[in-house]
Amino acid sequence: MRPSAVRSEVREVMDIRQASSYLGISPDSLYKYASEGFIPAFKLGNRWRFKKSRIDEWMDQQSSAQSAPTQPVAVAARQRKPVRAAR
């Protein structure tokens, strides 16, 4: 394989730099999302790792949730306090 082909290959387990490139976001944003538990990740030692298959599943779930039709939510009428009689 050519050296450039090896670099562009997406691995099953990626570090933060590889995963951020795969997702098209900055490493800083990805680090924040991983720390908050927003995106599936795990720590190996003190470094974040990302499984491509888990990220792909997560993206599928996120896109399905956003494309699902939403039902209007009934909102209760605002209750007003009784007005005191003027003196």
N, C-alpha and C. Protein backbone atom coordinates (compact mmCIF):
# COMPACT_ATOMS: atom_id res chain seq x y z
N MET A 1 0.83 -1.19 0.00
CA MET A 1 0.00 0.00 0.00
C MET A 1 0.87 1.25 0.00
N ARG A 2 0.38 2.28 -0.65
CA ARG A 2 1.09 3.55 -0.64
C ARG A 2 0.93 4.20 0.72
N PRO A 3 1.91 4.98 1.18
CA PRO A 3 1.80 5.64 2.49
C PRO A 3 0.57 6.54 2.58
N SER A 4 0.18 7.22 1.50
CA SER A 4 -1.00 8.10 1.56
C SER A 4 -2.28 7.29 1.71
N ALA A 5 -2.32 6.08 1.14
CA ALA A 5 -3.50 5.23 1.27
C ALA A 5 -3.66 4.74 2.70
N VAL A 6 -2.55 4.48 3.38
CA VAL A 6 -2.61 4.02 4.76
C VAL A 6 -3.16 5.12 5.65
N ARG A 7 -2.74 6.37 5.42
CA ARG A 7 -3.20 7.49 6.25
C ARG A 7 -4.69 7.75 6.10
N SER A 8 -5.24 7.57 4.88
CA SER A 8 -6.64 7.88 4.65
C SER A 8 -7.56 6.74 5.09
N GLU A 9 -7.00 5.59 5.42
CA GLU A 9 -7.80 4.44 5.86
C GLU A 9 -8.46 4.73 7.21
N VAL A 10 -9.74 4.43 7.31
CA VAL A 10 -10.45 4.63 8.57
C VAL A 10 -10.36 3.34 9.37
N ARG A 11 -9.83 3.45 10.56
CA ARG A 11 -9.65 2.28 11.42
C ARG A 11 -10.88 2.04 12.27
N GLU A 12 -11.04 0.82 12.76
CA GLU A 12 -12.18 0.50 13.63
C GLU A 12 -12.06 1.24 14.96
N VAL A 13 -10.88 1.27 15.55
CA VAL A 13 -10.69 2.02 16.80
C VAL A 13 -9.82 3.23 16.46
N MET A 14 -10.38 4.41 16.73
CA MET A 14 -9.71 5.66 16.35
C MET A 14 -9.35 6.47 17.58
N ASP A 15 -8.27 7.25 17.47
CA ASP A 15 -7.96 8.20 18.52
C ASP A 15 -8.75 9.48 18.25
N ILE A 16 -8.57 10.47 19.09
CA ILE A 16 -9.40 11.68 18.98
C ILE A 16 -9.14 12.42 17.67
N ARG A 17 -7.91 12.42 17.21
CA ARG A 17 -7.58 13.11 15.96
C ARG A 17 -8.25 12.41 14.77
N GLN A 18 -8.15 11.08 14.73
CA GLN A 18 -8.74 10.33 13.63
C GLN A 18 -10.27 10.43 13.64
N ALA A 19 -10.86 10.33 14.83
CA ALA A 19 -12.32 10.39 14.94
C ALA A 19 -12.83 11.78 14.60
N SER A 20 -12.12 12.82 15.00
CA SER A 20 -12.57 14.18 14.68
C SER A 20 -12.50 14.41 13.17
N SER A 21 -11.48 13.86 12.53
CA SER A 21 -11.38 13.97 11.07
C SER A 21 -12.52 13.19 10.41
N TYR A 22 -12.83 12.00 10.91
CA TYR A 22 -13.91 11.18 10.38
C TYR A 22 -15.26 11.89 10.50
N LEU A 23 -15.48 12.56 11.63
CA LEU A 23 -16.75 13.25 11.87
C LEU A 23 -16.79 14.66 11.27
N GLY A 24 -15.63 15.20 10.95
CA GLY A 24 -15.59 16.55 10.38
C GLY A 24 -15.77 17.65 11.41
N ILE A 25 -15.32 17.39 12.63
CA ILE A 25 -15.39 18.40 13.69
C ILE A 25 -14.01 18.56 14.30
N SER A 26 -13.84 19.60 15.11
CA SER A 26 -12.53 19.83 15.71
C SER A 26 -12.26 18.83 16.83
N PRO A 27 -10.99 18.52 17.07
CA PRO A 27 -10.65 17.63 18.19
C PRO A 27 -11.14 18.19 19.54
N ASP A 28 -11.10 19.51 19.69
CA ASP A 28 -11.57 20.12 20.94
C ASP A 28 -13.06 19.86 21.17
N SER A 29 -13.85 20.00 20.11
CA SER A 29 -15.30 19.73 20.23
C SER A 29 -15.55 18.26 20.54
N LEU A 30 -14.83 17.38 19.87
CA LEU A 30 -15.00 15.95 20.09
C LEU A 30 -14.61 15.57 21.52
N TYR A 31 -13.54 16.15 22.03
CA TYR A 31 -13.11 15.90 23.40
C TYR A 31 -14.22 16.31 24.38
N LYS A 32 -14.82 17.46 24.14
CA LYS A 32 -15.92 17.94 24.99
C LYS A 32 -17.11 16.98 24.93
N TYR A 33 -17.50 16.57 23.72
CA TYR A 33 -18.64 15.65 23.56
C TYR A 33 -18.37 14.31 24.25
N ALA A 34 -17.15 13.80 24.13
CA ALA A 34 -16.80 12.53 24.77
C ALA A 34 -16.82 12.67 26.28
N SER A 35 -16.28 13.76 26.80
CA SER A 35 -16.25 13.99 28.24
C SER A 35 -17.65 14.10 28.84
N GLU A 36 -18.58 14.67 28.07
CA GLU A 36 -19.96 14.85 28.54
C GLU A 36 -20.82 13.61 28.30
N GLY A 37 -20.27 12.61 27.61
CA GLY A 37 -21.03 11.40 27.34
C GLY A 37 -22.02 11.57 26.20
N PHE A 38 -21.86 12.62 25.41
CA PHE A 38 -22.77 12.89 24.30
C PHE A 38 -22.55 11.93 23.14
N ILE A 39 -21.30 11.55 22.92
CA ILE A 39 -20.93 10.66 21.82
C ILE A 39 -20.29 9.40 22.41
N PRO A 40 -20.54 8.23 21.84
CA PRO A 40 -19.96 7.00 22.41
C PRO A 40 -18.44 6.98 22.29
N ALA A 41 -17.79 6.79 23.42
CA ALA A 41 -16.33 6.76 23.47
C ALA A 41 -15.91 6.00 24.72
N PHE A 42 -14.65 5.62 24.77
CA PHE A 42 -14.12 4.99 25.98
C PHE A 42 -12.69 5.45 26.17
N LYS A 43 -12.23 5.32 27.39
CA LYS A 43 -10.86 5.71 27.68
C LYS A 43 -9.98 4.48 27.75
N LEU A 44 -8.84 4.57 27.11
CA LEU A 44 -7.81 3.55 27.18
C LEU A 44 -6.63 4.25 27.83
N GLY A 45 -6.42 3.93 29.10
CA GLY A 45 -5.46 4.71 29.88
C GLY A 45 -6.08 6.08 30.13
N ASN A 46 -5.41 7.12 29.72
CA ASN A 46 -5.98 8.45 29.89
C ASN A 46 -6.33 9.09 28.55
N ARG A 47 -6.45 8.27 27.51
CA ARG A 47 -6.75 8.79 26.18
C ARG A 47 -8.08 8.26 25.66
N TRP A 48 -8.84 9.14 25.02
CA TRP A 48 -10.13 8.76 24.46
C TRP A 48 -9.93 7.92 23.20
N ARG A 49 -10.79 6.90 23.06
CA ARG A 49 -10.81 6.07 21.86
C ARG A 49 -12.26 5.97 21.39
N PHE A 50 -12.43 5.79 20.09
CA PHE A 50 -13.75 5.77 19.47
C PHE A 50 -13.83 4.60 18.52
N LYS A 51 -14.87 3.77 18.67
CA LYS A 51 -15.08 2.65 17.75
C LYS A 51 -15.94 3.16 16.60
N LYS A 52 -15.43 2.96 15.39
CA LYS A 52 -16.15 3.43 14.21
C LYS A 52 -17.55 2.86 14.13
N SER A 53 -17.71 1.58 14.43
CA SER A 53 -19.04 0.95 14.34
C SER A 53 -20.02 1.59 15.34
N ARG A 54 -19.56 1.92 16.53
CA ARG A 54 -20.43 2.56 17.53
C ARG A 54 -20.79 3.98 17.11
N ILE A 55 -19.82 4.70 16.54
CA ILE A 55 -20.10 6.06 16.07
C ILE A 55 -21.10 6.03 14.91
N ASP A 56 -20.94 5.06 14.00
CA ASP A 56 -21.87 4.93 12.89
C ASP A 56 -23.29 4.63 13.39
N GLU A 57 -23.41 3.73 14.36
CA GLU A 57 -24.73 3.42 14.95
C GLU A 57 -25.32 4.66 15.61
N TRP A 58 -24.49 5.38 16.35
CA TRP A 58 -24.94 6.59 17.05
C TRP A 58 -25.44 7.63 16.04
N MET A 59 -24.70 7.80 14.94
CA MET A 59 -25.11 8.77 13.91
C MET A 59 -26.43 8.34 13.28
N ASP A 60 -26.61 7.04 13.05
CA ASP A 60 -27.88 6.54 12.50
C ASP A 60 -29.03 6.85 13.45
N GLN A 61 -28.81 6.63 14.75
CA GLN A 61 -29.85 6.92 15.74
C GLN A 61 -30.16 8.41 15.79
N GLN A 62 -29.13 9.24 15.74
CA GLN A 62 -29.33 10.68 15.79
C GLN A 62 -30.10 11.16 14.57
N SER A 63 -29.77 10.65 13.40
CA SER A 63 -30.46 11.10 12.19
C SER A 63 -31.89 10.57 12.16
N SER A 64 -32.12 9.37 12.70
CA SER A 64 -33.48 8.82 12.75
C SER A 64 -34.34 9.62 13.71
N ALA A 65 -33.77 10.01 14.84
CA ALA A 65 -34.52 10.77 15.84
C ALA A 65 -34.90 12.14 15.30
N GLN A 66 -34.04 12.74 14.50
CA GLN A 66 -34.32 14.07 13.98
C GLN A 66 -35.31 14.03 12.83
N SER A 67 -35.33 12.94 12.08
CA SER A 67 -36.24 12.87 10.94
C SER A 67 -37.61 12.31 11.31
N ALA A 68 -37.76 11.80 12.54
CA ALA A 68 -39.05 11.27 12.97
C ALA A 68 -40.04 12.41 13.13
N PRO A 69 -41.28 12.22 12.64
CA PRO A 69 -42.26 13.29 12.79
C PRO A 69 -42.59 13.52 14.26
N THR A 70 -42.70 14.75 14.62
CA THR A 70 -43.02 15.07 16.01
C THR A 70 -44.50 15.37 16.14
N GLN A 71 -45.07 14.93 17.23
CA GLN A 71 -46.46 15.18 17.52
C GLN A 71 -46.58 16.46 18.33
N PRO A 72 -47.55 17.29 18.04
CA PRO A 72 -47.71 18.50 18.84
C PRO A 72 -48.03 18.14 20.29
N VAL A 73 -47.46 18.86 21.18
CA VAL A 73 -47.67 18.61 22.60
C VAL A 73 -48.72 19.58 23.11
N ALA A 74 -49.71 19.03 23.79
CA ALA A 74 -50.75 19.88 24.37
C ALA A 74 -50.18 20.61 25.58
N VAL A 75 -50.36 21.90 25.59
CA VAL A 75 -49.87 22.71 26.70
C VAL A 75 -51.06 23.18 27.49
N ALA A 76 -51.01 22.98 28.80
CA ALA A 76 -52.12 23.39 29.66
C ALA A 76 -52.21 24.91 29.65
N ALA A 77 -53.44 25.39 29.73
CA ALA A 77 -53.66 26.84 29.80
C ALA A 77 -53.03 27.38 31.07
N ARG A 78 -52.51 28.57 30.98
CA ARG A 78 -51.85 29.17 32.13
C ARG A 78 -52.88 29.52 33.18
N GLN A 79 -52.64 29.05 34.39
CA GLN A 79 -53.55 29.33 35.50
C GLN A 79 -53.25 30.72 36.05
N ARG A 80 -54.30 31.47 36.26
CA ARG A 80 -54.12 32.81 36.82
C ARG A 80 -54.54 32.80 38.28
N LYS A 81 -53.85 33.63 39.03
CA LYS A 81 -54.22 33.77 40.43
C LYS A 81 -55.50 34.59 40.51
N PRO A 82 -56.34 34.29 41.48
CA PRO A 82 -57.55 35.11 41.62
C PRO A 82 -57.16 36.55 41.98
N VAL A 83 -57.90 37.48 41.42
CA VAL A 83 -57.63 38.89 41.68
C VAL A 83 -58.38 39.32 42.91
N ARG A 84 -57.68 40.01 43.80
CA ARG A 84 -58.35 40.53 45.00
C ARG A 84 -59.23 41.70 44.65
N ALA A 85 -60.30 41.83 45.38
CA ALA A 85 -61.20 42.96 45.17
C ALA A 85 -60.50 44.24 45.59
N ALA A 86 -60.73 45.31 44.83
CA ALA A 86 -60.13 46.61 45.17
C ALA A 86 -60.78 47.16 46.41
N ARG A 87 -60.05 47.89 47.24
CA ARG A 87 -60.61 48.45 48.46
C ARG A 87 -61.03 49.86 48.26
